[in-house]
Amino acid sequence: WDTEIKGFGLRVLPSGLKTFIVQYRNAEGIQRRMNLGRFGVLT
């Protein structure tokens, strides 16, 4: 998890794949997590 923006993070898999993610709660209070893109494709 990034310390600068709460909810912004990097998911790392055993395969080595690194994907940027963002996590938040929507208006109904349900936690959501979505992919932003792969590291290397996005800076």
All heavy atoms as atom14 arrays in JSON, in Angstrom:
{
  "sequence": "WDTEIKGFGLRVLPSGLKTFIVQYRNAEGIQRRMNLGRFGVLT",
  "atom14_mask": [
    [1, 1, 1, 1, 1, 1, 1, 1, 1, 1, 1, 1, 1, 1],
    [1, 1, 1, 1, 1, 1, 1, 1, 0, 0, 0, 0, 0, 0],
    [1, 1, 1, 1, 1, 1, 1, 0, 0, 0, 0, 0, 0, 0],
    [1, 1, 1, 1, 1, 1, 1, 1, 1, 0, 0, 0, 0, 0],
    [1, 1, 1, 1, 1, 1, 1, 1, 0, 0, 0, 0, 0, 0],
    [1, 1, 1, 1, 1, 1, 1, 1, 1, 0, 0, 0, 0, 0],
    [1, 1, 1, 1, 0, 0, 0, 0, 0, 0, 0, 0, 0, 0],
    [1, 1, 1, 1, 1, 1, 1, 1, 1, 1, 1, 0, 0, 0],
    [1, 1, 1, 1, 0, 0, 0, 0, 0, 0, 0, 0, 0, 0],
    [1, 1, 1, 1, 1, 1, 1, 1, 0, 0, 0, 0, 0, 0],
    [1, 1, 1, 1, 1, 1, 1, 1, 1, 1, 1, 0, 0, 0],
    [1, 1, 1, 1, 1, 1, 1, 0, 0, 0, 0, 0, 0, 0],
    [1, 1, 1, 1, 1, 1, 1, 1, 0, 0, 0, 0, 0, 0],
    [1, 1, 1, 1, 1, 1, 1, 0, 0, 0, 0, 0, 0, 0],
    [1, 1, 1, 1, 1, 1, 0, 0, 0, 0, 0, 0, 0, 0],
    [1, 1, 1, 1, 0, 0, 0, 0, 0, 0, 0, 0, 0, 0],
    [1, 1, 1, 1, 1, 1, 1, 1, 0, 0, 0, 0, 0, 0],
    [1, 1, 1, 1, 1, 1, 1, 1, 1, 0, 0, 0, 0, 0],
    [1, 1, 1, 1, 1, 1, 1, 0, 0, 0, 0, 0, 0, 0],
    [1, 1, 1, 1, 1, 1, 1, 1, 1, 1, 1, 0, 0, 0],
    [1, 1, 1, 1, 1, 1, 1, 1, 0, 0, 0, 0, 0, 0],
    [1, 1, 1, 1, 1, 1, 1, 0, 0, 0, 0, 0, 0, 0],
    [1, 1, 1, 1, 1, 1, 1, 1, 1, 0, 0, 0, 0, 0],
    [1, 1, 1, 1, 1, 1, 1, 1, 1, 1, 1, 1, 0, 0],
    [1, 1, 1, 1, 1, 1, 1, 1, 1, 1, 1, 0, 0, 0],
    [1, 1, 1, 1, 1, 1, 1, 1, 0, 0, 0, 0, 0, 0],
    [1, 1, 1, 1, 1, 0, 0, 0, 0, 0, 0, 0, 0, 0],
    [1, 1, 1, 1, 1, 1, 1, 1, 1, 0, 0, 0, 0, 0],
    [1, 1, 1, 1, 0, 0, 0, 0, 0, 0, 0, 0, 0, 0],
    [1, 1, 1, 1, 1, 1, 1, 1, 0, 0, 0, 0, 0, 0],
    [1, 1, 1, 1, 1, 1, 1, 1, 1, 0, 0, 0, 0, 0],
    [1, 1, 1, 1, 1, 1, 1, 1, 1, 1, 1, 0, 0, 0],
    [1, 1, 1, 1, 1, 1, 1, 1, 1, 1, 1, 0, 0, 0],
    [1, 1, 1, 1, 1, 1, 1, 1, 0, 0, 0, 0, 0, 0],
    [1, 1, 1, 1, 1, 1, 1, 1, 0, 0, 0, 0, 0, 0],
    [1, 1, 1, 1, 1, 1, 1, 1, 0, 0, 0, 0, 0, 0],
    [1, 1, 1, 1, 0, 0, 0, 0, 0, 0, 0, 0, 0, 0],
    [1, 1, 1, 1, 1, 1, 1, 1, 1, 1, 1, 0, 0, 0],
    [1, 1, 1, 1, 1, 1, 1, 1, 1, 1, 1, 0, 0, 0],
    [1, 1, 1, 1, 0, 0, 0, 0, 0, 0, 0, 0, 0, 0],
    [1, 1, 1, 1, 1, 1, 1, 0, 0, 0, 0, 0, 0, 0],
    [1, 1, 1, 1, 1, 1, 1, 1, 0, 0, 0, 0, 0, 0],
    [1, 1, 1, 1, 1, 1, 1, 0, 0, 0, 0, 0, 0, 0]
  ],
  "atom14_positions": [
    [[0.83, -1.2, 0.0], [0.0, 0.0, 0.0], [0.87, 1.25, 0.0], [1.87, 1.33, 0.71], [-0.94, 0.01, 1.2], [-1.95, -1.09, 1.16], [-1.99, -2.18, 1.96], [-3.05, -1.21, 0.26], [-3.05, -2.98, 1.63], [-3.73, -2.42, 0.59], [-3.53, -0.43, -0.79], [-4.85, -2.85, -0.1], [-4.66, -0.85, -1.47], [-5.32, -2.06, -1.13]],
    [[0.44, 2.21, -0.79], [1.15, 3.49, -0.9], [0.83, 4.36, 0.32], [-0.32, 4.44, 0.76], [0.71, 4.2, -2.18], [1.45, 5.5, -2.41], [2.68, 5.48, -2.4], [0.77, 6.53, -2.61], [0.0, 0.0, 0.0], [0.0, 0.0, 0.0], [0.0, 0.0, 0.0], [0.0, 0.0, 0.0], [0.0, 0.0, 0.0], [0.0, 0.0, 0.0]],
    [[1.84, 5.03, 0.89], [1.63, 5.89, 2.06], [1.19, 7.29, 1.67], [0.75, 8.07, 2.52], [2.93, 5.98, 2.89], [4.0, 6.39, 2.04], [3.26, 4.64, 3.52], [0.0, 0.0, 0.0], [0.0, 0.0, 0.0], [0.0, 0.0, 0.0], [0.0, 0.0, 0.0], [0.0, 0.0, 0.0], [0.0, 0.0, 0.0], [0.0, 0.0, 0.0]],
    [[1.27, 7.62, 0.38], [0.9, 8.97, -0.05], [-0.59, 9.07, -0.35], [-1.23, 10.09, -0.02], [1.71, 9.35, -1.29], [1.45, 10.78, -1.78], [2.34, 11.16, -2.93], [3.59, 11.13, -2.76], [1.81, 11.48, -4.01], [0.0, 0.0, 0.0], [0.0, 0.0, 0.0], [0.0, 0.0, 0.0], [0.0, 0.0, 0.0], [0.0, 0.0, 0.0]],
    [[-1.17, 8.04, -0.99], [-2.59, 8.05, -1.32], [-3.24, 6.81, -0.69], [-2.92, 5.68, -1.07], [-2.81, 8.04, -2.84], [-2.21, 9.27, -3.49], [-4.3, 7.95, -3.15], [-2.37, 9.32, -4.98], [0.0, 0.0, 0.0], [0.0, 0.0, 0.0], [0.0, 0.0, 0.0], [0.0, 0.0, 0.0], [0.0, 0.0, 0.0], [0.0, 0.0, 0.0]],
    [[-4.14, 7.02, 0.25], [-4.82, 5.91, 0.9], [-5.69, 5.17, -0.11], [-6.51, 5.77, -0.81], [-5.68, 6.42, 2.05], [-6.35, 5.3, 2.84], [-7.16, 5.84, 3.99], [-7.83, 4.7, 4.77], [-8.65, 5.22, 5.89], [0.0, 0.0, 0.0], [0.0, 0.0, 0.0], [0.0, 0.0, 0.0], [0.0, 0.0, 0.0], [0.0, 0.0, 0.0]],
    [[-5.52, 3.87, -0.18], [-6.28, 3.04, -1.11], [-5.56, 2.7, -2.39], [-6.0, 1.85, -3.15], [0.0, 0.0, 0.0], [0.0, 0.0, 0.0], [0.0, 0.0, 0.0], [0.0, 0.0, 0.0], [0.0, 0.0, 0.0], [0.0, 0.0, 0.0], [0.0, 0.0, 0.0], [0.0, 0.0, 0.0], [0.0, 0.0, 0.0], [0.0, 0.0, 0.0]],
    [[-4.41, 3.33, -2.63], [-3.62, 3.06, -3.83], [-2.56, 2.02, -3.47], [-1.88, 2.14, -2.44], [-2.95, 4.34, -4.31], [-1.98, 4.16, -5.46], [-2.34, 3.47, -6.61], [-0.7, 4.7, -5.39], [-1.46, 3.3, -7.66], [0.2, 4.55, -6.43], [-0.18, 3.85, -7.57], [0.0, 0.0, 0.0], [0.0, 0.0, 0.0], [0.0, 0.0, 0.0]],
    [[-2.43, 0.98, -4.27], [-1.48, -0.07, -3.93], [-0.96, -0.82, -5.14], [-1.35, -0.56, -6.29], [0.0, 0.0, 0.0], [0.0, 0.0, 0.0], [0.0, 0.0, 0.0], [0.0, 0.0, 0.0], [0.0, 0.0, 0.0], [0.0, 0.0, 0.0], [0.0, 0.0, 0.0], [0.0, 0.0, 0.0], [0.0, 0.0, 0.0], [0.0, 0.0, 0.0]],
    [[-0.1, -1.78, -4.85], [0.5, -2.64, -5.88], [0.3, -4.07, -5.46], [0.71, -4.48, -4.36], [2.0, -2.35, -6.02], [2.73, -3.2, -7.06], [2.53, -2.61, -8.45], [4.23, -3.28, -6.74], [0.0, 0.0, 0.0], [0.0, 0.0, 0.0], [0.0, 0.0, 0.0], [0.0, 0.0, 0.0], [0.0, 0.0, 0.0], [0.0, 0.0, 0.0]],
    [[-0.34, -4.87, -6.33], [-0.52, -6.29, -6.06], [0.57, -7.07, -6.77], [0.79, -6.9, -7.97], [-1.9, -6.76, -6.55], [-2.17, -8.24, -6.29], [-3.58, -8.61, -6.62], [-3.86, -8.43, -8.04], [-5.07, -8.45, -8.57], [-6.13, -8.6, -7.78], [-5.26, -8.32, -9.86], [0.0, 0.0, 0.0], [0.0, 0.0, 0.0], [0.0, 0.0, 0.0]],
    [[1.26, -7.95, -6.02], [2.35, -8.75, -6.57], [1.99, -10.22, -6.45], [1.64, -10.71, -5.37], [3.68, -8.48, -5.83], [4.83, -9.25, -6.48], [3.98, -7.0, -5.78], [0.0, 0.0, 0.0], [0.0, 0.0, 0.0], [0.0, 0.0, 0.0], [0.0, 0.0, 0.0], [0.0, 0.0, 0.0], [0.0, 0.0, 0.0], [0.0, 0.0, 0.0]],
    [[2.05, -10.95, -7.57], [1.72, -12.37, -7.6], [2.97, -13.23, -7.56], [4.07, -12.76, -7.89], [0.93, -12.69, -8.87], [-0.37, -11.92, -9.08], [-1.07, -12.41, -10.34], [-1.29, -12.07, -7.88], [0.0, 0.0, 0.0], [0.0, 0.0, 0.0], [0.0, 0.0, 0.0], [0.0, 0.0, 0.0], [0.0, 0.0, 0.0], [0.0, 0.0, 0.0]],
    [[2.85, -14.49, -7.16], [4.01, -15.39, -7.17], [4.67, -15.5, -8.53], [5.86, -15.77, -8.64], [3.4, -16.74, -6.74], [2.22, -16.36, -5.9], [1.66, -15.12, -6.56], [0.0, 0.0, 0.0], [0.0, 0.0, 0.0], [0.0, 0.0, 0.0], [0.0, 0.0, 0.0], [0.0, 0.0, 0.0], [0.0, 0.0, 0.0], [0.0, 0.0, 0.0]],
    [[3.89, -15.28, -9.61], [4.44, -15.34, -10.96], [5.34, -14.16, -11.28], [6.05, -14.15, -12.28], [3.3, -15.38, -11.98], [2.54, -14.18, -11.93], [0.0, 0.0, 0.0], [0.0, 0.0, 0.0], [0.0, 0.0, 0.0], [0.0, 0.0, 0.0], [0.0, 0.0, 0.0], [0.0, 0.0, 0.0], [0.0, 0.0, 0.0], [0.0, 0.0, 0.0]],
    [[5.32, -13.1, -10.41], [6.1, -11.91, -10.66], [5.29, -10.78, -11.25], [5.77, -9.65, -11.39], [0.0, 0.0, 0.0], [0.0, 0.0, 0.0], [0.0, 0.0, 0.0], [0.0, 0.0, 0.0], [0.0, 0.0, 0.0], [0.0, 0.0, 0.0], [0.0, 0.0, 0.0], [0.0, 0.0, 0.0], [0.0, 0.0, 0.0], [0.0, 0.0, 0.0]],
    [[4.02, -11.05, -11.61], [3.16, -10.02, -12.19], [2.85, -8.95, -11.15], [2.43, -9.26, -10.03], [1.87, -10.65, -12.7], [0.9, -9.72, -13.44], [1.51, -9.28, -14.76], [-0.42, -10.44, -13.67], [0.0, 0.0, 0.0], [0.0, 0.0, 0.0], [0.0, 0.0, 0.0], [0.0, 0.0, 0.0], [0.0, 0.0, 0.0], [0.0, 0.0, 0.0]],
    [[3.04, -7.68, -11.52], [2.8, -6.55, -10.61], [1.73, -5.65, -11.21], [1.88, -5.16, -12.33], [4.1, -5.77, -10.39], [5.23, -6.61, -9.78], [6.55, -5.85, -9.74], [7.66, -6.73, -9.19], [8.98, -6.04, -9.2], [0.0, 0.0, 0.0], [0.0, 0.0, 0.0], [0.0, 0.0, 0.0], [0.0, 0.0, 0.0], [0.0, 0.0, 0.0]],
    [[0.64, -5.45, -10.47], [-0.5, -4.69, -10.96], [-0.89, -3.6, -9.97], [-1.04, -3.88, -8.77], [-1.72, -5.62, -11.19], [-1.33, -6.71, -12.05], [-2.87, -4.86, -11.81], [0.0, 0.0, 0.0], [0.0, 0.0, 0.0], [0.0, 0.0, 0.0], [0.0, 0.0, 0.0], [0.0, 0.0, 0.0], [0.0, 0.0, 0.0], [0.0, 0.0, 0.0]],
    [[-1.07, -2.39, -10.47], [-1.54, -1.29, -9.63], [-3.03, -1.47, -9.36], [-3.8, -1.85, -10.25], [-1.31, 0.06, -10.31], [0.13, 0.43, -10.48], [0.72, 0.48, -11.73], [0.91, 0.74, -9.36], [2.05, 0.82, -11.89], [2.25, 1.09, -9.51], [2.83, 1.12, -10.77], [0.0, 0.0, 0.0], [0.0, 0.0, 0.0], [0.0, 0.0, 0.0]],
    [[-3.45, -1.19, -8.12], [-4.86, -1.33, -7.74], [-5.29, -0.1, -6.95], [-4.46, 0.67, -6.46], [-5.09, -2.59, -6.89], [-4.3, -2.51, -5.57], [-4.74, -3.85, -7.65], [-4.67, -3.59, -4.58], [0.0, 0.0, 0.0], [0.0, 0.0, 0.0], [0.0, 0.0, 0.0], [0.0, 0.0, 0.0], [0.0, 0.0, 0.0], [0.0, 0.0, 0.0]],
    [[-6.6, 0.08, -6.84], [-7.16, 1.1, -5.96], [-8.31, 0.46, -5.2], [-9.08, -0.33, -5.76], [-7.61, 2.35, -6.74], [-8.75, 2.04, -7.69], [-7.99, 3.48, -5.79], [0.0, 0.0, 0.0], [0.0, 0.0, 0.0], [0.0, 0.0, 0.0], [0.0, 0.0, 0.0], [0.0, 0.0, 0.0], [0.0, 0.0, 0.0], [0.0, 0.0, 0.0]],
    [[-8.4, 0.77, -3.9], [-9.42, 0.18, -3.05], [-10.18, 1.3, -2.33], [-9.58, 2.28, -1.9], [-8.76, -0.76, -2.04], [-9.74, -1.47, -1.11], [-9.06, -2.55, -0.28], [-8.64, -3.58, -0.8], [-8.92, -2.29, 1.01], [0.0, 0.0, 0.0], [0.0, 0.0, 0.0], [0.0, 0.0, 0.0], [0.0, 0.0, 0.0], [0.0, 0.0, 0.0]],
    [[-11.5, 1.13, -2.21], [-12.32, 2.17, -1.59], [-13.66, 1.55, -1.16], [-13.94, 0.4, -1.46], [-12.59, 3.3, -2.61], [-13.33, 2.85, -3.83], [-14.72, 2.9, -3.89], [-12.65, 2.32, -4.93], [-15.42, 2.44, -4.99], [-13.34, 1.86, -6.05], [-14.73, 1.93, -6.07], [-15.41, 1.47, -7.16], [0.0, 0.0, 0.0], [0.0, 0.0, 0.0]],
    [[-14.49, 2.37, -0.48], [-15.86, 1.96, -0.17], [-16.81, 2.87, -0.94], [-16.65, 4.08, -0.93], [-16.14, 2.05, 1.33], [-15.38, 0.98, 2.13], [-15.83, 0.95, 3.58], [-15.09, -0.07, 4.31], [-15.4, -1.37, 4.34], [-16.5, -1.79, 3.7], [-14.67, -2.23, 5.02], [0.0, 0.0, 0.0], [0.0, 0.0, 0.0], [0.0, 0.0, 0.0]],
    [[-17.79, 2.27, -1.61], [-18.72, 3.06, -2.39], [-19.78, 3.7, -1.49], [-19.73, 3.57, -0.25], [-19.34, 2.23, -3.51], [-20.22, 1.11, -2.98], [-20.56, 1.04, -1.8], [-20.6, 0.2, -3.88], [0.0, 0.0, 0.0], [0.0, 0.0, 0.0], [0.0, 0.0, 0.0], [0.0, 0.0, 0.0], [0.0, 0.0, 0.0], [0.0, 0.0, 0.0]],
    [[-20.75, 4.37, -2.09], [-21.75, 5.1, -1.32], [-22.57, 4.18, -0.41], [-23.13, 4.62, 0.59], [-22.68, 5.85, -2.27], [0.0, 0.0, 0.0], [0.0, 0.0, 0.0], [0.0, 0.0, 0.0], [0.0, 0.0, 0.0], [0.0, 0.0, 0.0], [0.0, 0.0, 0.0], [0.0, 0.0, 0.0], [0.0, 0.0, 0.0], [0.0, 0.0, 0.0]],
    [[-22.64, 2.9, -0.75], [-23.38, 1.94, 0.06], [-22.52, 1.28, 1.13], [-22.98, 0.4, 1.85], [-23.97, 0.86, -0.85], [-24.96, 1.41, -1.87], [-25.45, 0.35, -2.83], [-24.81, -0.72, -2.9], [-26.44, 0.58, -3.53], [0.0, 0.0, 0.0], [0.0, 0.0, 0.0], [0.0, 0.0, 0.0], [0.0, 0.0, 0.0], [0.0, 0.0, 0.0]],
    [[-21.25, 1.71, 1.21], [-20.36, 1.17, 2.22], [-19.73, -0.16, 1.83], [-19.1, -0.83, 2.67], [0.0, 0.0, 0.0], [0.0, 0.0, 0.0], [0.0, 0.0, 0.0], [0.0, 0.0, 0.0], [0.0, 0.0, 0.0], [0.0, 0.0, 0.0], [0.0, 0.0, 0.0], [0.0, 0.0, 0.0], [0.0, 0.0, 0.0], [0.0, 0.0, 0.0]],
    [[-19.89, -0.57, 0.57], [-19.33, -1.84, 0.11], [-17.89, -1.61, -0.36], [-17.63, -0.68, -1.13], [-20.16, -2.42, -1.05], [-21.6, -2.68, -0.58], [-19.52, -3.7, -1.57], [-22.54, -3.08, -1.71], [0.0, 0.0, 0.0], [0.0, 0.0, 0.0], [0.0, 0.0, 0.0], [0.0, 0.0, 0.0], [0.0, 0.0, 0.0], [0.0, 0.0, 0.0]],
    [[-16.98, -2.44, 0.13], [-15.57, -2.28, -0.27], [-15.37, -2.79, -1.69], [-15.82, -3.87, -2.05], [-14.66, -3.05, 0.68], [-13.18, -2.88, 0.35], [-12.28, -3.49, 1.41], [-12.09, -2.93, 2.48], [-11.71, -4.64, 1.1], [0.0, 0.0, 0.0], [0.0, 0.0, 0.0], [0.0, 0.0, 0.0], [0.0, 0.0, 0.0], [0.0, 0.0, 0.0]],
    [[-14.72, -1.96, -2.48], [-14.42, -2.31, -3.86], [-12.91, -2.28, -4.07], [-12.19, -1.5, -3.44], [-15.06, -1.31, -4.83], [-16.56, -1.2, -4.73], [-17.24, -2.37, -5.38], [-18.6, -2.06, -5.75], [-19.46, -2.95, -6.22], [-19.07, -4.2, -6.4], [-20.7, -2.59, -6.55], [0.0, 0.0, 0.0], [0.0, 0.0, 0.0], [0.0, 0.0, 0.0]],
    [[-12.44, -3.1, -4.98], [-11.03, -3.09, -5.37], [-10.98, -3.28, -6.88], [-11.62, -4.19, -7.41], [-10.24, -4.18, -4.67], [-8.77, -4.21, -5.03], [-8.05, -5.36, -4.34], [-7.99, -5.17, -2.9], [-7.53, -6.08, -2.05], [-7.13, -7.25, -2.51], [-7.49, -5.83, -0.75], [0.0, 0.0, 0.0], [0.0, 0.0, 0.0], [0.0, 0.0, 0.0]],
    [[-10.23, -2.44, -7.57], [-10.16, -2.56, -9.02], [-8.73, -2.41, -9.5], [-7.9, -1.74, -8.85], [-11.05, -1.53, -9.71], [-10.68, -0.08, -9.48], [-11.81, 1.09, -10.29], [-11.55, 0.69, -12.02], [0.0, 0.0, 0.0], [0.0, 0.0, 0.0], [0.0, 0.0, 0.0], [0.0, 0.0, 0.0], [0.0, 0.0, 0.0], [0.0, 0.0, 0.0]],
    [[-8.44, -3.06, -10.61], [-7.12, -2.96, -11.23], [-7.02, -1.66, -12.01], [-7.96, -1.25, -12.69], [-6.87, -4.13, -12.18], [-6.81, -5.45, -11.46], [-6.49, -5.51, -10.28], [-7.12, -6.53, -12.17], [0.0, 0.0, 0.0], [0.0, 0.0, 0.0], [0.0, 0.0, 0.0], [0.0, 0.0, 0.0], [0.0, 0.0, 0.0], [0.0, 0.0, 0.0]],
    [[-5.85, -1.03, -11.92], [-5.58, 0.16, -12.71], [-4.75, -0.15, -13.94], [-4.87, 0.5, -14.97], [-4.85, 1.21, -11.85], [-5.62, 1.72, -10.62], [-4.74, 2.64, -9.8], [-6.89, 2.44, -11.04], [0.0, 0.0, 0.0], [0.0, 0.0, 0.0], [0.0, 0.0, 0.0], [0.0, 0.0, 0.0], [0.0, 0.0, 0.0], [0.0, 0.0, 0.0]],
    [[-3.88, -1.15, -13.83], [-3.02, -1.53, -14.95], [-1.74, -2.15, -14.45], [-1.39, -2.05, -13.26], [0.0, 0.0, 0.0], [0.0, 0.0, 0.0], [0.0, 0.0, 0.0], [0.0, 0.0, 0.0], [0.0, 0.0, 0.0], [0.0, 0.0, 0.0], [0.0, 0.0, 0.0], [0.0, 0.0, 0.0], [0.0, 0.0, 0.0], [0.0, 0.0, 0.0]],
    [[-1.03, -2.8, -15.34], [0.21, -3.48, -14.96], [1.37, -2.48, -14.83], [1.44, -1.51, -15.58], [0.59, -4.53, -16.0], [-0.38, -5.68, -16.12], [0.17, -6.74, -17.05], [-0.8, -7.79, -17.34], [-0.53, -8.87, -18.06], [0.68, -9.03, -18.57], [-1.46, -9.79, -18.29], [0.0, 0.0, 0.0], [0.0, 0.0, 0.0], [0.0, 0.0, 0.0]],
    [[2.24, -2.76, -13.86], [3.48, -2.0, -13.75], [4.33, -2.32, -14.98], [4.51, -3.48, -15.34], [4.23, -2.39, -12.48], [5.61, -1.81, -12.37], [5.79, -0.44, -12.33], [6.73, -2.64, -12.32], [7.06, 0.11, -12.24], [7.99, -2.1, -12.22], [8.17, -0.72, -12.18], [0.0, 0.0, 0.0], [0.0, 0.0, 0.0], [0.0, 0.0, 0.0]],
    [[4.83, -1.29, -15.62], [5.56, -1.46, -16.87], [4.75, -0.94, -18.02], [5.28, -0.29, -18.93], [0.0, 0.0, 0.0], [0.0, 0.0, 0.0], [0.0, 0.0, 0.0], [0.0, 0.0, 0.0], [0.0, 0.0, 0.0], [0.0, 0.0, 0.0], [0.0, 0.0, 0.0], [0.0, 0.0, 0.0], [0.0, 0.0, 0.0], [0.0, 0.0, 0.0]],
    [[3.42, -1.22, -17.98], [2.51, -0.6, -18.94], [2.2, 0.82, -18.46], [2.2, 1.78, -19.22], [1.22, -1.42, -19.09], [0.24, -0.72, -20.03], [1.55, -2.82, -19.62], [0.0, 0.0, 0.0], [0.0, 0.0, 0.0], [0.0, 0.0, 0.0], [0.0, 0.0, 0.0], [0.0, 0.0, 0.0], [0.0, 0.0, 0.0], [0.0, 0.0, 0.0]],
    [[1.93, 0.92, -17.14], [1.77, 2.22, -16.49], [3.0, 2.53, -15.66], [3.56, 1.63, -15.01], [0.55, 2.21, -15.56], [-0.85, 2.14, -16.17], [-1.89, 2.14, -15.05], [-1.09, 3.3, -17.12], [0.0, 0.0, 0.0], [0.0, 0.0, 0.0], [0.0, 0.0, 0.0], [0.0, 0.0, 0.0], [0.0, 0.0, 0.0], [0.0, 0.0, 0.0]],
    [[3.42, 3.78, -15.62], [4.45, 4.2, -14.67], [3.79, 4.4, -13.32], [2.55, 4.47, -13.21], [5.12, 5.51, -15.13], [4.14, 6.56, -15.05], [5.65, 5.41, -16.55], [0.0, 0.0, 0.0], [0.0, 0.0, 0.0], [0.0, 0.0, 0.0], [0.0, 0.0, 0.0], [0.0, 0.0, 0.0], [0.0, 0.0, 0.0], [0.0, 0.0, 0.0]]
  ]
}
